[in-house]
Amino acid sequence: MLGHFHAIENNLDENNRQLATTHALHPIVELYDLISPELQEHDTELDSELKQVLFELNDKTTSAGITREQAQEAIDEARDLVDVVRATVVGDKYDGTNFKIKLIIGLLETAQIEYEEAVSGGEIKKMTEFQDGSAFVWQSQQIYSTVESEIPEHEAEEIAEFYDDLLSAFDSRSDPETIKTLAGGIIHELEVVAGEESEVTELTGYVENIRNLLTEAKEEYAKGETDEALSLATKAYLDNFEYLESAVGAQDPELNEEVEEMMREELRDMIKNGAPAGEVSSHIDGILLKMDQVAVIVPEFGPMAFVVLGIAIIAVLIVGIKQQKLVPKL
């Protein structure tokens, strides 16, 4: 809801009453029914108050004769009430870092969906969905600011960088796949912090993906397709090397740091700043050489695969021993 309130404010500031109306109606039309059953179990009077405030929000913010100051008062009233509802339903859990991380992840995942519906071919096809997606990213960033001090420095640096890139991608109407990659990078870092990183079983697949993506990025950049090259380079890092960092860092921290700097910082900066194609090509070749070292370090199979393999080997040994016992001695 807070994202919708933010969108109302932005549209009122731009004198776009029509879009402000759309966002003012969303909380009561789309969200209230999802919240109400849980809220009624805690406080029926508060549930009735929330329904009334949300129902009146459109009239109090976008009707003719309503001043910007009066509209802001109505928005602030609704925002304060939502805070009360949150405290009533969620309680102390909201103050926990992991709980807030889950909220951030949910907002970013929803923002991706809204953006994919809204943008095609570099143009906004559905403004309401675009503004929803933008507002959800903004709200996720507001929540993140309350836990940022508890995030390890390295992860916090990456999250800040990719939030900047994500907002820039919204502004430039980037391809939805780019939004997915950047939002996914933030989500991955937060999952690592929360200890909820999904287990990877085929690490060598990421090495091959990186090789293919960077080779393609080099070709696209040489053709002058800067945006596509940047998208591919970003995907190589966020969607792939990020999942190798733990394995590489555990065995060769220096190599891990070198590759990360070459991919996340240097290569992307070179593309953004329009470096000569020859320099970009040489830099990518250097990364690919490093990936040969990475390929030696990372295991071909993850932990679960080793367990399965171990069980299979033990089973074969047991069968072999039993067969030996069944064979008559000569």
C-alpha atoms as a PDB file:
ATOM      1  CA  MET A   1       0.000   0.000   0.000  1.00  0.00           C
ATOM      2  CA  LEU A   2       2.787   2.401   0.853  1.00  0.00           C
ATOM      3  CA  GLY A   3       4.057   2.127  -2.702  1.00  0.00           C
ATOM      4  CA  HIS A   4       0.646   3.191  -3.997  1.00  0.00           C
ATOM      5  CA  PHE A   5       0.595   6.137  -1.587  1.00  0.00           C
ATOM      6  CA  HIS A   6       3.970   7.196  -2.965  1.00  0.00           C
ATOM      7  CA  ALA A   7       2.610   6.940  -6.519  1.00  0.00           C
ATOM      8  CA  ILE A   8      -0.379   9.130  -5.583  1.00  0.00           C
ATOM      9  CA  GLU A   9       1.994  11.795  -4.273  1.00  0.00           C
ATOM     10  CA  ASN A  10       4.151  11.715  -7.397  1.00  0.00           C
ATOM     11  CA  ASN A  11       1.175  12.013  -9.738  1.00  0.00           C
ATOM     12  CA  LEU A  12      -0.383  14.833  -7.750  1.00  0.00           C
ATOM     13  CA  ASP A  13       2.947  16.671  -7.875  1.00  0.00           C
ATOM     14  CA  GLU A  14       2.873  16.284 -11.659  1.00  0.00           C
ATOM     15  CA  ASN A  15      -0.798  17.356 -11.836  1.00  0.00           C
ATOM     16  CA  ASN A  16      -1.802  13.993 -13.249  1.00  0.00           C
ATOM     17  CA  ARG A  17      -5.109  13.536 -11.457  1.00  0.00           C
ATOM     18  CA  GLN A  18      -6.146  10.573 -13.597  1.00  0.00           C
ATOM     19  CA  LEU A  19      -3.185   8.392 -12.613  1.00  0.00           C
ATOM     20  CA  ALA A  20      -3.420   9.613  -9.018  1.00  0.00           C
ATOM     21  CA  THR A  21      -7.005   8.357  -8.993  1.00  0.00           C
ATOM     22  CA  THR A  22      -5.938   4.958 -10.300  1.00  0.00           C
ATOM     23  CA  HIS A  23      -3.391   4.533  -7.517  1.00  0.00           C
ATOM     24  CA  ALA A  24      -5.796   5.877  -4.895  1.00  0.00           C
ATOM     25  CA  LEU A  25      -8.276   3.141  -5.815  1.00  0.00           C
ATOM     26  CA  HIS A  26      -5.789   0.255  -5.843  1.00  0.00           C
ATOM     27  CA  PRO A  27      -5.489  -0.186  -2.049  1.00  0.00           C
ATOM     28  CA  ILE A  28      -9.230  -0.628  -1.503  1.00  0.00           C
ATOM     29  CA  VAL A  29      -9.905  -2.531  -4.733  1.00  0.00           C
ATOM     30  CA  GLU A  30      -6.860  -4.827  -4.839  1.00  0.00           C
ATOM     31  CA  LEU A  31      -5.348  -5.063  -1.366  1.00  0.00           C
ATOM     32  CA  TYR A  32      -7.896  -4.563   1.384  1.00  0.00           C
ATOM     33  CA  ASP A  33      -9.617  -7.934   0.892  1.00  0.00           C
ATOM     34  CA  LEU A  34      -6.248  -9.667   1.266  1.00  0.00           C
ATOM     35  CA  ILE A  35      -5.562  -7.976   4.593  1.00  0.00           C
ATOM     36  CA  SER A  36      -9.022  -7.885   6.129  1.00  0.00           C
ATOM     37  CA  PRO A  37      -9.446 -11.533   7.264  1.00  0.00           C
ATOM     38  CA  GLU A  38      -6.192 -11.470   9.238  1.00  0.00           C
ATOM     39  CA  LEU A  39      -6.876  -8.009  10.646  1.00  0.00           C
ATOM     40  CA  GLN A  40     -10.385  -8.976  11.776  1.00  0.00           C
ATOM     41  CA  GLU A  41      -8.894 -11.735  13.913  1.00  0.00           C
ATOM     42  CA  HIS A  42      -6.847  -9.110  15.760  1.00  0.00           C
ATOM     43  CA  ASP A  43      -9.053  -6.008  15.824  1.00  0.00           C
ATOM     44  CA  THR A  44     -12.435  -5.697  14.094  1.00  0.00           C
ATOM     45  CA  GLU A  45     -12.717  -1.971  14.826  1.00  0.00           C
ATOM     46  CA  LEU A  46      -9.332  -1.294  13.271  1.00  0.00           C
ATOM     47  CA  ASP A  47     -10.392  -3.321  10.242  1.00  0.00           C
ATOM     48  CA  SER A  48     -13.489  -1.136   9.827  1.00  0.00           C
ATOM     49  CA  GLU A  49     -11.411   2.016  10.214  1.00  0.00           C
ATOM     50  CA  LEU A  50      -8.921   0.865   7.584  1.00  0.00           C
ATOM     51  CA  LYS A  51     -11.711   0.060   5.149  1.00  0.00           C
ATOM     52  CA  GLN A  52     -13.263   3.490   5.641  1.00  0.00           C
ATOM     53  CA  VAL A  53      -9.985   5.382   5.237  1.00  0.00           C
ATOM     54  CA  LEU A  54      -9.036   3.479   2.093  1.00  0.00           C
ATOM     55  CA  PHE A  55     -12.541   3.827   0.681  1.00  0.00           C
ATOM     56  CA  GLU A  56     -12.413   7.606   1.121  1.00  0.00           C
ATOM     57  CA  LEU A  57      -8.818   8.000  -0.052  1.00  0.00           C
ATOM     58  CA  ASN A  58      -9.704   8.711  -3.672  1.00  0.00           C
ATOM     59  CA  ASP A  59     -12.279  11.397  -2.827  1.00  0.00           C
ATOM     60  CA  LYS A  60      -9.942  13.044  -0.330  1.00  0.00           C
ATOM     61  CA  THR A  61      -6.967  13.170  -2.696  1.00  0.00           C
ATOM     62  CA  THR A  62      -8.202  13.594  -6.259  1.00  0.00           C
ATOM     63  CA  SER A  63     -11.661  15.187  -6.139  1.00  0.00           C
ATOM     64  CA  ALA A  64     -12.190  18.634  -7.615  1.00  0.00           C
ATOM     65  CA  GLY A  65     -11.502  21.407  -5.136  1.00  0.00           C
ATOM     66  CA  ILE A  66      -9.110  19.344  -3.014  1.00  0.00           C
ATOM     67  CA  THR A  67      -5.830  21.192  -2.482  1.00  0.00           C
ATOM     68  CA  ARG A  68      -2.451  19.475  -2.572  1.00  0.00           C
ATOM     69  CA  GLU A  69      -2.086  20.077   1.161  1.00  0.00           C
ATOM     70  CA  GLN A  70      -5.467  18.485   1.904  1.00  0.00           C
ATOM     71  CA  ALA A  71      -4.581  15.513  -0.262  1.00  0.00           C
ATOM     72  CA  GLN A  72      -1.303  15.086   1.607  1.00  0.00           C
ATOM     73  CA  GLU A  73      -3.151  15.079   4.921  1.00  0.00           C
ATOM     74  CA  ALA A  74      -5.359  12.234   3.671  1.00  0.00           C
ATOM     75  CA  ILE A  75      -2.345  10.290   2.399  1.00  0.00           C
ATOM     76  CA  ASP A  76      -0.496  10.772   5.682  1.00  0.00           C
ATOM     77  CA  GLU A  77      -3.573   9.629   7.609  1.00  0.00           C
ATOM     78  CA  ALA A  78      -3.776   6.468   5.516  1.00  0.00           C
ATOM     79  CA  ARG A  79      -0.037   5.860   5.835  1.00  0.00           C
ATOM     80  CA  ASP A  80      -0.136   6.238   9.629  1.00  0.00           C
ATOM     81  CA  LEU A  81      -3.088   3.876   9.865  1.00  0.00           C
ATOM     82  CA  VAL A  82      -1.296   1.260   7.758  1.00  0.00           C
ATOM     83  CA  ASP A  83       1.600   1.473  10.231  1.00  0.00           C
ATOM     84  CA  VAL A  84      -0.852   0.746  13.052  1.00  0.00           C
ATOM     85  CA  VAL A  85      -2.312  -2.183  11.114  1.00  0.00           C
ATOM     86  CA  ARG A  86       1.149  -3.563  10.463  1.00  0.00           C
ATOM     87  CA  ALA A  87       2.070  -3.330  14.139  1.00  0.00           C
ATOM     88  CA  THR A  88      -1.204  -5.016  15.103  1.00  0.00           C
ATOM     89  CA  VAL A  89      -0.912  -7.923  12.687  1.00  0.00           C
ATOM     90  CA  VAL A  90       2.842  -8.419  12.465  1.00  0.00           C
ATOM     91  CA  GLY A  91       3.929  -7.164  15.875  1.00  0.00           C
ATOM     92  CA  ASP A  92       7.588  -7.301  16.859  1.00  0.00           C
ATOM     93  CA  LYS A  93       8.457  -9.512  13.892  1.00  0.00           C
ATOM     94  CA  TYR A  94       8.556  -6.429  11.667  1.00  0.00           C
ATOM     95  CA  ASP A  95      11.614  -5.154  13.521  1.00  0.00           C
ATOM     96  CA  GLY A  96      13.603  -8.270  12.623  1.00  0.00           C
ATOM     97  CA  THR A  97      16.157  -7.952   9.828  1.00  0.00           C
ATOM     98  CA  ASN A  98      15.205 -11.231   8.157  1.00  0.00           C
ATOM     99  CA  PHE A  99      11.519 -10.312   8.160  1.00  0.00           C
ATOM    100  CA  LYS A 100      12.287  -6.995   6.472  1.00  0.00           C
ATOM    101  CA  ILE A 101      14.514  -8.763   3.963  1.00  0.00           C
ATOM    102  CA  LYS A 102      11.574 -10.986   3.030  1.00  0.00           C
ATOM    103  CA  LEU A 103       9.439  -7.876   2.523  1.00  0.00           C
ATOM    104  CA  ILE A 104      12.098  -6.309   0.311  1.00  0.00           C
ATOM    105  CA  ILE A 105      12.394  -9.464  -1.766  1.00  0.00           C
ATOM    106  CA  GLY A 106       8.612  -9.652  -2.173  1.00  0.00           C
ATOM    107  CA  LEU A 107       8.453  -6.034  -3.327  1.00  0.00           C
ATOM    108  CA  LEU A 108      11.284  -6.506  -5.820  1.00  0.00           C
ATOM    109  CA  GLU A 109       9.720  -9.662  -7.230  1.00  0.00           C
ATOM    110  CA  THR A 110       6.397  -7.853  -7.654  1.00  0.00           C
ATOM    111  CA  ALA A 111       8.160  -4.883  -9.250  1.00  0.00           C
ATOM    112  CA  GLN A 112       9.628  -7.211 -11.886  1.00  0.00           C
ATOM    113  CA  ILE A 113       6.173  -8.524 -12.767  1.00  0.00           C
ATOM    114  CA  GLU A 114       4.681  -5.040 -13.009  1.00  0.00           C
ATOM    115  CA  TYR A 115       7.544  -3.796 -15.175  1.00  0.00           C
ATOM    116  CA  GLU A 116       7.307  -6.742 -17.555  1.00  0.00           C
ATOM    117  CA  GLU A 117       3.623  -5.947 -18.086  1.00  0.00           C
ATOM    118  CA  ALA A 118       4.326  -2.248 -18.518  1.00  0.00           C
ATOM    119  CA  VAL A 119       7.342  -1.929 -20.820  1.00  0.00           C
ATOM    120  CA  SER A 120       8.002  -3.319 -24.265  1.00  0.00           C
ATOM    121  CA  GLY A 121      10.473  -2.216 -26.898  1.00  0.00           C
ATOM    122  CA  GLY A 122      11.778   0.584 -24.720  1.00  0.00           C
ATOM    123  CA  GLU A 123       8.343   2.179 -24.395  1.00  0.00           C
ATOM    124  CA  ILE A 124       5.814   2.300 -21.582  1.00  0.00           C
ATOM    125  CA  LYS A 125       2.674   0.512 -22.724  1.00  0.00           C
ATOM    126  CA  LYS A 126       0.871   0.537 -19.370  1.00  0.00           C
ATOM    127  CA  MET A 127       1.685   3.570 -17.249  1.00  0.00           C
ATOM    128  CA  THR A 128      -0.151   2.399 -14.132  1.00  0.00           C
ATOM    129  CA  GLU A 129       1.800  -0.860 -13.990  1.00  0.00           C
ATOM    130  CA  PHE A 130       5.040   1.006 -14.672  1.00  0.00           C
ATOM    131  CA  GLN A 131       4.392   3.369 -11.791  1.00  0.00           C
ATOM    132  CA  ASP A 132       3.426   0.444  -9.565  1.00  0.00           C
ATOM    133  CA  GLY A 133       6.725  -1.266 -10.327  1.00  0.00           C
ATOM    134  CA  SER A 134       8.678   1.917  -9.715  1.00  0.00           C
ATOM    135  CA  ALA A 135       6.849   2.536  -6.441  1.00  0.00           C
ATOM    136  CA  PHE A 136       7.533  -1.012  -5.234  1.00  0.00           C
ATOM    137  CA  VAL A 137      11.254  -0.581  -5.922  1.00  0.00           C
ATOM    138  CA  TRP A 138      11.155   2.730  -4.043  1.00  0.00           C
ATOM    139  CA  GLN A 139       9.356   1.129  -1.094  1.00  0.00           C
ATOM    140  CA  SER A 140      11.807  -1.775  -1.005  1.00  0.00           C
ATOM    141  CA  GLN A 141      14.649   0.742  -0.864  1.00  0.00           C
ATOM    142  CA  GLN A 142      12.985   2.586   2.018  1.00  0.00           C
ATOM    143  CA  ILE A 143      12.750  -0.644   4.006  1.00  0.00           C
ATOM    144  CA  TYR A 144      16.312  -1.569   3.062  1.00  0.00           C
ATOM    145  CA  SER A 145      17.570   1.729   4.492  1.00  0.00           C
ATOM    146  CA  THR A 146      16.344   0.586   7.924  1.00  0.00           C
ATOM    147  CA  VAL A 147      18.518  -2.561   7.854  1.00  0.00           C
ATOM    148  CA  GLU A 148      21.461  -1.355   5.764  1.00  0.00           C
ATOM    149  CA  SER A 149      23.641  -0.818   8.833  1.00  0.00           C
ATOM    150  CA  GLU A 150      23.275  -4.527   9.661  1.00  0.00           C
ATOM    151  CA  ILE A 151      24.369  -5.699   6.201  1.00  0.00           C
ATOM    152  CA  PRO A 152      28.052  -6.703   5.775  1.00  0.00           C
ATOM    153  CA  GLU A 153      30.049  -3.975   4.033  1.00  0.00           C
ATOM    154  CA  HIS A 154      30.782  -5.914   0.846  1.00  0.00           C
ATOM    155  CA  GLU A 155      27.174  -6.986   0.308  1.00  0.00           C
ATOM    156  CA  ALA A 156      25.910  -3.500   1.200  1.00  0.00           C
ATOM    157  CA  GLU A 157      28.210  -1.980  -1.418  1.00  0.00           C
ATOM    158  CA  GLU A 158      26.894  -4.310  -4.108  1.00  0.00           C
ATOM    159  CA  ILE A 159      23.260  -3.789  -3.121  1.00  0.00           C
ATOM    160  CA  ALA A 160      23.665   0.003  -3.236  1.00  0.00           C
ATOM    161  CA  GLU A 161      25.308  -0.197  -6.647  1.00  0.00           C
ATOM    162  CA  PHE A 162      22.630  -2.400  -8.140  1.00  0.00           C
ATOM    163  CA  TYR A 163      19.810  -0.342  -6.640  1.00  0.00           C
ATOM    164  CA  ASP A 164      21.281   2.638  -8.517  1.00  0.00           C
ATOM    165  CA  ASP A 165      21.465   0.585 -11.701  1.00  0.00           C
ATOM    166  CA  LEU A 166      17.924  -0.709 -11.213  1.00  0.00           C
ATOM    167  CA  LEU A 167      16.494   2.794 -10.834  1.00  0.00           C
ATOM    168  CA  SER A 168      18.465   3.937 -13.888  1.00  0.00           C
ATOM    169  CA  ALA A 169      17.120   0.972 -15.841  1.00  0.00           C
ATOM    170  CA  PHE A 170      13.572   2.033 -14.944  1.00  0.00           C
ATOM    171  CA  ASP A 171      14.321   5.587 -16.075  1.00  0.00           C
ATOM    172  CA  SER A 172      15.761   4.420 -19.402  1.00  0.00           C
ATOM    173  CA  ARG A 173      12.924   1.916 -20.009  1.00  0.00           C
ATOM    174  CA  SER A 174      15.387  -0.975 -20.257  1.00  0.00           C
ATOM    175  CA  ASP A 175      14.430  -4.441 -21.390  1.00  0.00           C
ATOM    176  CA  PRO A 176      12.451  -6.364 -18.722  1.00  0.00           C
ATOM    177  CA  GLU A 177      15.210  -8.976 -18.669  1.00  0.00           C
ATOM    178  CA  THR A 178      17.631  -6.296 -17.456  1.00  0.00           C
ATOM    179  CA  ILE A 179      15.236  -5.361 -14.658  1.00  0.00           C
ATOM    180  CA  LYS A 180      14.974  -9.022 -13.712  1.00  0.00           C
ATOM    181  CA  THR A 181      18.760  -9.386 -13.627  1.00  0.00           C
ATOM    182  CA  LEU A 182      19.364  -6.281 -11.503  1.00  0.00           C
ATOM    183  CA  ALA A 183      16.513  -6.963  -9.078  1.00  0.00           C
ATOM    184  CA  GLY A 184      17.628 -10.587  -8.917  1.00  0.00           C
ATOM    185  CA  GLY A 185      21.125  -9.472  -7.955  1.00  0.00           C
ATOM    186  CA  ILE A 186      19.783  -7.499  -5.002  1.00  0.00           C
ATOM    187  CA  ILE A 187      17.574 -10.416  -4.012  1.00  0.00           C
ATOM    188  CA  HIS A 188      20.509 -12.835  -4.159  1.00  0.00           C
ATOM    189  CA  GLU A 189      22.673 -10.648  -1.920  1.00  0.00           C
ATOM    190  CA  LEU A 190      19.846 -10.329   0.601  1.00  0.00           C
ATOM    191  CA  GLU A 191      19.257 -14.079   0.572  1.00  0.00           C
ATOM    192  CA  VAL A 192      22.937 -14.632   1.324  1.00  0.00           C
ATOM    193  CA  VAL A 193      22.720 -12.220   4.260  1.00  0.00           C
ATOM    194  CA  ALA A 194      19.565 -13.929   5.537  1.00  0.00           C
ATOM    195  CA  GLY A 195      21.147 -17.357   5.173  1.00  0.00           C
ATOM    196  CA  GLU A 196      18.538 -18.464   2.665  1.00  0.00           C
ATOM    197  CA  GLU A 197      20.720 -18.842  -0.410  1.00  0.00           C
ATOM    198  CA  SER A 198      19.498 -21.707  -2.558  1.00  0.00           C
ATOM    199  CA  GLU A 199      21.881 -24.628  -2.866  1.00  0.00           C
ATOM    200  CA  VAL A 200      23.605 -24.964  -6.214  1.00  0.00           C
ATOM    201  CA  THR A 201      24.507 -28.390  -7.526  1.00  0.00           C
ATOM    202  CA  GLU A 202      26.067 -27.674 -10.933  1.00  0.00           C
ATOM    203  CA  LEU A 203      28.616 -24.900 -10.463  1.00  0.00           C
ATOM    204  CA  THR A 204      30.493 -25.573 -13.677  1.00  0.00           C
ATOM    205  CA  GLY A 205      27.374 -24.590 -15.608  1.00  0.00           C
ATOM    206  CA  TYR A 206      27.807 -21.042 -14.322  1.00  0.00           C
ATOM    207  CA  VAL A 207      31.379 -20.959 -15.590  1.00  0.00           C
ATOM    208  CA  GLU A 208      30.210 -21.896 -19.070  1.00  0.00           C
ATOM    209  CA  ASN A 209      27.387 -19.351 -18.922  1.00  0.00           C
ATOM    210  CA  ILE A 210      29.868 -16.610 -18.051  1.00  0.00           C
ATOM    211  CA  ARG A 211      32.104 -17.551 -20.953  1.00  0.00           C
ATOM    212  CA  ASN A 212      29.197 -17.482 -23.400  1.00  0.00           C
ATOM    213  CA  LEU A 213      27.701 -14.240 -22.084  1.00  0.00           C
ATOM    214  CA  LEU A 214      30.998 -12.352 -22.064  1.00  0.00           C
ATOM    215  CA  THR A 215      31.881 -13.565 -25.536  1.00  0.00           C
ATOM    216  CA  GLU A 216      28.503 -12.333 -26.737  1.00  0.00           C
ATOM    217  CA  ALA A 217      28.976  -9.041 -24.859  1.00  0.00           C
ATOM    218  CA  LYS A 218      32.288  -8.517 -26.658  1.00  0.00           C
ATOM    219  CA  GLU A 219      30.634  -9.092 -30.024  1.00  0.00           C
ATOM    220  CA  GLU A 220      27.697  -6.787 -29.256  1.00  0.00           C
ATOM    221  CA  TYR A 221      29.965  -3.998 -28.024  1.00  0.00           C
ATOM    222  CA  ALA A 222      32.077  -4.239 -31.178  1.00  0.00           C
ATOM    223  CA  LYS A 223      28.868  -3.704 -33.189  1.00  0.00           C
ATOM    224  CA  GLY A 224      28.034  -0.599 -31.167  1.00  0.00           C
ATOM    225  CA  GLU A 225      25.243  -2.253 -29.165  1.00  0.00           C
ATOM    226  CA  THR A 226      26.315  -0.734 -25.856  1.00  0.00           C
ATOM    227  CA  ASP A 227      23.103  -1.359 -23.928  1.00  0.00           C
ATOM    228  CA  GLU A 228      22.975  -5.008 -24.944  1.00  0.00           C
ATOM    229  CA  ALA A 229      26.645  -5.472 -24.078  1.00  0.00           C
ATOM    230  CA  LEU A 230      26.089  -3.944 -20.634  1.00  0.00           C
ATOM    231  CA  SER A 231      23.064  -6.161 -20.061  1.00  0.00           C
ATOM    232  CA  LEU A 232      25.043  -9.281 -20.984  1.00  0.00           C
ATOM    233  CA  ALA A 233      27.996  -8.280 -18.801  1.00  0.00           C
ATOM    234  CA  THR A 234      25.670  -7.594 -15.877  1.00  0.00           C
ATOM    235  CA  LYS A 235      23.939 -10.929 -16.361  1.00  0.00           C
ATOM    236  CA  ALA A 236      27.286 -12.719 -16.466  1.00  0.00           C
ATOM    237  CA  TYR A 237      28.091 -11.336 -13.043  1.00  0.00           C
ATOM    238  CA  LEU A 238      24.746 -11.219 -11.240  1.00  0.00           C
ATOM    239  CA  ASP A 239      23.111 -14.341 -12.634  1.00  0.00           C
ATOM    240  CA  ASN A 240      26.249 -16.447 -12.659  1.00  0.00           C
ATOM    241  CA  PHE A 241      29.461 -15.390 -10.910  1.00  0.00           C
ATOM    242  CA  GLU A 242      27.523 -14.383  -7.802  1.00  0.00           C
ATOM    243  CA  TYR A 243      26.689 -18.067  -7.361  1.00  0.00           C
ATOM    244  CA  LEU A 244      30.346 -19.059  -7.660  1.00  0.00           C
ATOM    245  CA  GLU A 245      31.742 -16.570  -5.154  1.00  0.00           C
ATOM    246  CA  SER A 246      31.358 -18.796  -2.102  1.00  0.00           C
ATOM    247  CA  ALA A 247      33.144 -21.750  -3.698  1.00  0.00           C
ATOM    248  CA  VAL A 248      35.906 -19.652  -5.279  1.00  0.00           C
ATOM    249  CA  GLY A 249      36.358 -17.403  -2.247  1.00  0.00           C
ATOM    250  CA  ALA A 250      36.753 -20.395   0.052  1.00  0.00           C
ATOM    251  CA  GLN A 251      39.696 -21.743  -1.959  1.00  0.00           C
ATOM    252  CA  ASP A 252      41.252 -18.666  -3.557  1.00  0.00           C
ATOM    253  CA  PRO A 253      40.052 -15.355  -2.054  1.00  0.00           C
ATOM    254  CA  GLU A 254      42.483 -13.330  -4.164  1.00  0.00           C
ATOM    255  CA  LEU A 255      41.213 -14.820  -7.429  1.00  0.00           C
ATOM    256  CA  ASN A 256      37.629 -14.305  -6.302  1.00  0.00           C
ATOM    257  CA  GLU A 257      38.300 -10.634  -5.573  1.00  0.00           C
ATOM    258  CA  GLU A 258      40.125 -10.130  -8.882  1.00  0.00           C
ATOM    259  CA  VAL A 259      37.337 -11.629 -10.981  1.00  0.00           C
ATOM    260  CA  GLU A 260      34.650  -9.724  -9.115  1.00  0.00           C
ATOM    261  CA  GLU A 261      36.468  -6.425  -9.620  1.00  0.00           C
ATOM    262  CA  MET A 262      37.100  -7.151 -13.294  1.00  0.00           C
ATOM    263  CA  MET A 263      33.470  -8.102 -13.968  1.00  0.00           C
ATOM    264  CA  ARG A 264      31.322  -6.041 -11.622  1.00  0.00           C
ATOM    265  CA  GLU A 265      33.318  -2.820 -11.613  1.00  0.00           C
ATOM    266  CA  GLU A 266      35.876  -2.487 -14.395  1.00  0.00           C
ATOM    267  CA  LEU A 267      34.061  -4.113 -17.311  1.00  0.00           C
ATOM    268  CA  ARG A 268      30.717  -2.489 -16.616  1.00  0.00           C
ATOM    269  CA  ASP A 269      32.355   0.914 -16.115  1.00  0.00           C
ATOM    270  CA  MET A 270      34.253   0.547 -19.394  1.00  0.00           C
ATOM    271  CA  ILE A 271      31.037  -0.194 -21.264  1.00  0.00           C
ATOM    272  CA  LYS A 272      29.127   2.615 -19.549  1.00  0.00           C
ATOM    273  CA  ASN A 273      31.894   5.111 -20.314  1.00  0.00           C
ATOM    274  CA  GLY A 274      32.237   4.109 -23.963  1.00  0.00           C
ATOM    275  CA  ALA A 275      35.765   2.696 -23.845  1.00  0.00           C
ATOM    276  CA  PRO A 276      37.311   1.671 -27.195  1.00  0.00           C
ATOM    277  CA  ALA A 277      36.098  -1.705 -28.425  1.00  0.00           C
ATOM    278  CA  GLY A 278      39.650  -3.059 -28.438  1.00  0.00           C
ATOM    279  CA  GLU A 279      40.102  -2.270 -24.751  1.00  0.00           C
ATOM    280  CA  VAL A 280      36.788  -3.877 -23.841  1.00  0.00           C
ATOM    281  CA  SER A 281      37.676  -6.944 -25.898  1.00  0.00           C
ATOM    282  CA  SER A 282      41.079  -7.286 -24.203  1.00  0.00           C
ATOM    283  CA  HIS A 283      39.527  -6.862 -20.781  1.00  0.00           C
ATOM    284  CA  ILE A 284      36.961  -9.573 -21.479  1.00  0.00           C
ATOM    285  CA  ASP A 285      39.725 -11.868 -22.723  1.00  0.00           C
ATOM    286  CA  GLY A 286      41.463 -11.309 -19.395  1.00  0.00           C
ATOM    287  CA  ILE A 287      38.317 -12.307 -17.524  1.00  0.00           C
ATOM    288  CA  LEU A 288      37.943 -15.419 -19.665  1.00  0.00           C
ATOM    289  CA  LEU A 289      41.492 -16.445 -18.753  1.00  0.00           C
ATOM    290  CA  LYS A 290      40.595 -16.018 -15.088  1.00  0.00           C
ATOM    291  CA  MET A 291      37.534 -18.175 -15.647  1.00  0.00           C
ATOM    292  CA  ASP A 292      39.839 -21.003 -16.717  1.00  0.00           C
ATOM    293  CA  GLN A 293      41.325 -20.818 -13.213  1.00  0.00           C
ATOM    294  CA  VAL A 294      37.854 -20.660 -11.680  1.00  0.00           C
ATOM    295  CA  ALA A 295      36.813 -23.760 -13.613  1.00  0.00           C
ATOM    296  CA  VAL A 296      39.626 -25.708 -11.953  1.00  0.00           C
ATOM    297  CA  ILE A 297      38.561 -24.570  -8.488  1.00  0.00           C
ATOM    298  CA  VAL A 298      34.800 -25.054  -8.520  1.00  0.00           C
ATOM    299  CA  PRO A 299      33.534 -28.608  -8.055  1.00  0.00           C
ATOM    300  CA  GLU A 300      31.730 -30.250 -10.911  1.00  0.00           C
ATOM    301  CA  PHE A 301      29.050 -31.386  -8.515  1.00  0.00           C
ATOM    302  CA  GLY A 302      27.564 -29.648  -5.518  1.00  0.00           C
ATOM    303  CA  PRO A 303      27.105 -31.152  -2.030  1.00  0.00           C
ATOM    304  CA  MET A 304      23.891 -33.031  -2.773  1.00  0.00           C
ATOM    305  CA  ALA A 305      25.344 -34.567  -5.904  1.00  0.00           C
ATOM    306  CA  PHE A 306      28.297 -35.839  -3.884  1.00  0.00           C
ATOM    307  CA  VAL A 307      25.913 -37.390  -1.368  1.00  0.00           C
ATOM    308  CA  VAL A 308      24.015 -39.169  -4.133  1.00  0.00           C
ATOM    309  CA  LEU A 309      27.278 -40.286  -5.731  1.00  0.00           C
ATOM    310  CA  GLY A 310      28.572 -41.521  -2.376  1.00  0.00           C
ATOM    311  CA  ILE A 311      25.420 -43.511  -1.719  1.00  0.00           C
ATOM    312  CA  ALA A 312      25.656 -45.063  -5.166  1.00  0.00           C
ATOM    313  CA  ILE A 313      29.283 -46.086  -4.612  1.00  0.00           C
ATOM    314  CA  ILE A 314      28.472 -47.602  -1.214  1.00  0.00           C
ATOM    315  CA  ALA A 315      25.556 -49.498  -2.737  1.00  0.00           C
ATOM    316  CA  VAL A 316      27.814 -50.936  -5.440  1.00  0.00           C
ATOM    317  CA  LEU A 317      30.376 -52.010  -2.829  1.00  0.00           C
ATOM    318  CA  ILE A 318      27.719 -53.683  -0.699  1.00  0.00           C
ATOM    319  CA  VAL A 319      26.333 -55.572  -3.683  1.00  0.00           C
ATOM    320  CA  GLY A 320      29.861 -56.618  -4.635  1.00  0.00           C
ATOM    321  CA  ILE A 321      30.616 -57.886  -1.135  1.00  0.00           C
ATOM    322  CA  LYS A 322      27.365 -59.852  -1.014  1.00  0.00           C
ATOM    323  CA  GLN A 323      28.086 -61.404  -4.384  1.00  0.00           C
ATOM    324  CA  GLN A 324      31.550 -62.436  -3.228  1.00  0.00           C
ATOM    325  CA  LYS A 325      30.043 -64.149  -0.194  1.00  0.00           C
ATOM    326  CA  LEU A 326      27.629 -66.057  -2.406  1.00  0.00           C
ATOM    327  CA  VAL A 327      30.364 -67.402  -4.680  1.00  0.00           C
ATOM    328  CA  PRO A 328      31.539 -70.853  -3.448  1.00  0.00           C
ATOM    329  CA  LYS A 329      35.174 -70.994  -2.460  1.00  0.00           C
ATOM    330  CA  LEU A 330      37.273 -73.366  -4.570  1.00  0.00           C
END
